[in-house]
Structures are given as structure tokens and as C-alpha cells.
Amino acid sequence: MRYLQLLGVFLRTSIQTDMEYRADFFTRIVASLLGLITTVGSLSVAYQYTDTLRGWRFADAMTLLAVYYLMDGLIEMFIAPNMRQVMQQVRDGTLDFVLLKPVNAQFLATFRQANIWRVVNVLVGLGLSVYTVSRLSLSIGWMQAVTFAVTLAAGVAILYAFWLFLVTLTFWFVRLENIEQIVWQAFEAGRYPIEIYPAWLRGGLTYVIPVAFIISVPAQALAGKIGGTTALLSLVVAAVLLWLSSAFWRFGLQHYTGASA
């Protein structure tokens, strides 16, 4: 309950901060919607010349896009702003102010800030999911819904753990912005079916940067293409990566040299 209360406080303060600049808030929302129109338009043009892309129909590709926007919104709302702030604080030696608080350092460092305006991408993703299910001839049962929810949650956890690994490296390497850009490029590749890429790139997007588990697997669950076994595998991968990333974070803290050291 204590941590849930803290999350509520973090969320309220983030809303207050973002709403100080309301014109910027609504401008960013419009920009996100324009990005959606551009992406859907490019997919529509591609499917004018073919019925499927490596087994993905237009309806299936829309589920992929829906999950992409859901994940993108969650990343930019909760994960990215906190992880970037941690990297900055490690460089400045000001992470001390986090470590001295009477609360778990990993929790405080990675959940205390939110970009509220990014909720529009989450809403777009939810809207696309509903549209895909209701208008593009997809039927979804309770088992399919549970599988989708499980794989989506596992995807968020996998992404969080992977980014925490990168952030922890700043305890040894001062600047990691270039690595972050590589990760973002890989993530953006996930808006399209992973099967359209060459075998070496598919392997990299599955085992090196696990974009397949983050985007493709939840999308396939929504489209009814996978079952409980794959969902269970996603949970196992998420649990293992969360444990490893947390252990690596604690190890990295032992090598942190702050302003008070």
C-alpha cells in the first residue's frame, strides 16, 4: 500500500507539472495523432498491392500497430523519462538524493516521474485494438483476452528490465545516449511484422533486443495466433529478466561514486 500511495503522489505531481504548459501539452497530442495518420496511411498503401505480408493480413497488421502505440505510450509515460533522469543523475553525481530516501532506490529512481501527455498514445493503441476487433472481422474470446493481457504485461516488464540493464551500465560508462538510439530504432521496427525482415535481423529483434516479445507476441495474441504456451513463455522471460536486471542494478550501485563520496 505504501508504494501504491507513492505512485499516486508521483502521478499527481506529474500531472500538475505537465499542465503548467497547456499549449505544449495539446500540441504534443496533435503531433501524436498526425504520426498515427502517417503510419496507418503507409500500411494502407502497402496493402493495396497485396493481401498479406508474410502471413499478416491488414487486420493483423493493425493489431501490431495497436500494440506498438500502447507500448510506445507506456514507455514514454513511465519508463523513458525516469531512465533518462537516472543516467543524468549518475553523470552529475546527484543520485545521492534518491539513495538517501527511506524507500527502495530502484522503485524511486524508475517510477517517480510521468509524461502525462503521452497517454494519448495509450488511448490510440486501445482505440485501434477495439477498432481491429470490432470492424476487421476478428473475434475475441475470454481466453484470447487473457492471453493478450498477459503477453502485454510481460512485454512491458521485459522492456523495463532491458532498459534497466542499459541504465545500470552508466555506473561504468558515462554516456549511453547512442545505445538508447539504437534501441529506439529497433523498437520502431516493431511496428511492422517481424517476419518481413531478414533472418539475421529477426534473430536480433527476438534475442538481442527482444522486440518480438514486446510487440509481436501481444499482437499475435490479440489476433488469436498464439496460445497459453507462448504467453507462459513470455511471463517466464519477463520474470527472469526482471530478476537479473534488479540484481545488476544492485551490483551497479556498489560502483556508484556520488557527490558525497
Foldseek 3Di string as FASTA:
>chain_A
DVLVVLLVVLVVVQVVVQVVCVVVLVVVLVVVVVVVVVVLVVLVVVCVVDQADVNAGSLLLLLLLLLLLLLVLVCQFFAVVLLVVLLVCLLQQNLVVQVPDPDDSVSCSRGRHTNVSSVSSNVSSVVSLVCSCPPVPAPDDPQLVVLLVLLQVLLNLLVNLVSLQVSLCCLPPNDDVVVVVVLVVLLVVSSGDLVNDDPVNSCCCCPVVNNCSNRVSSSCSSRVNDHDVVSVVSNVSSVVSNVVSVVSNVVSVVSGDHPVD
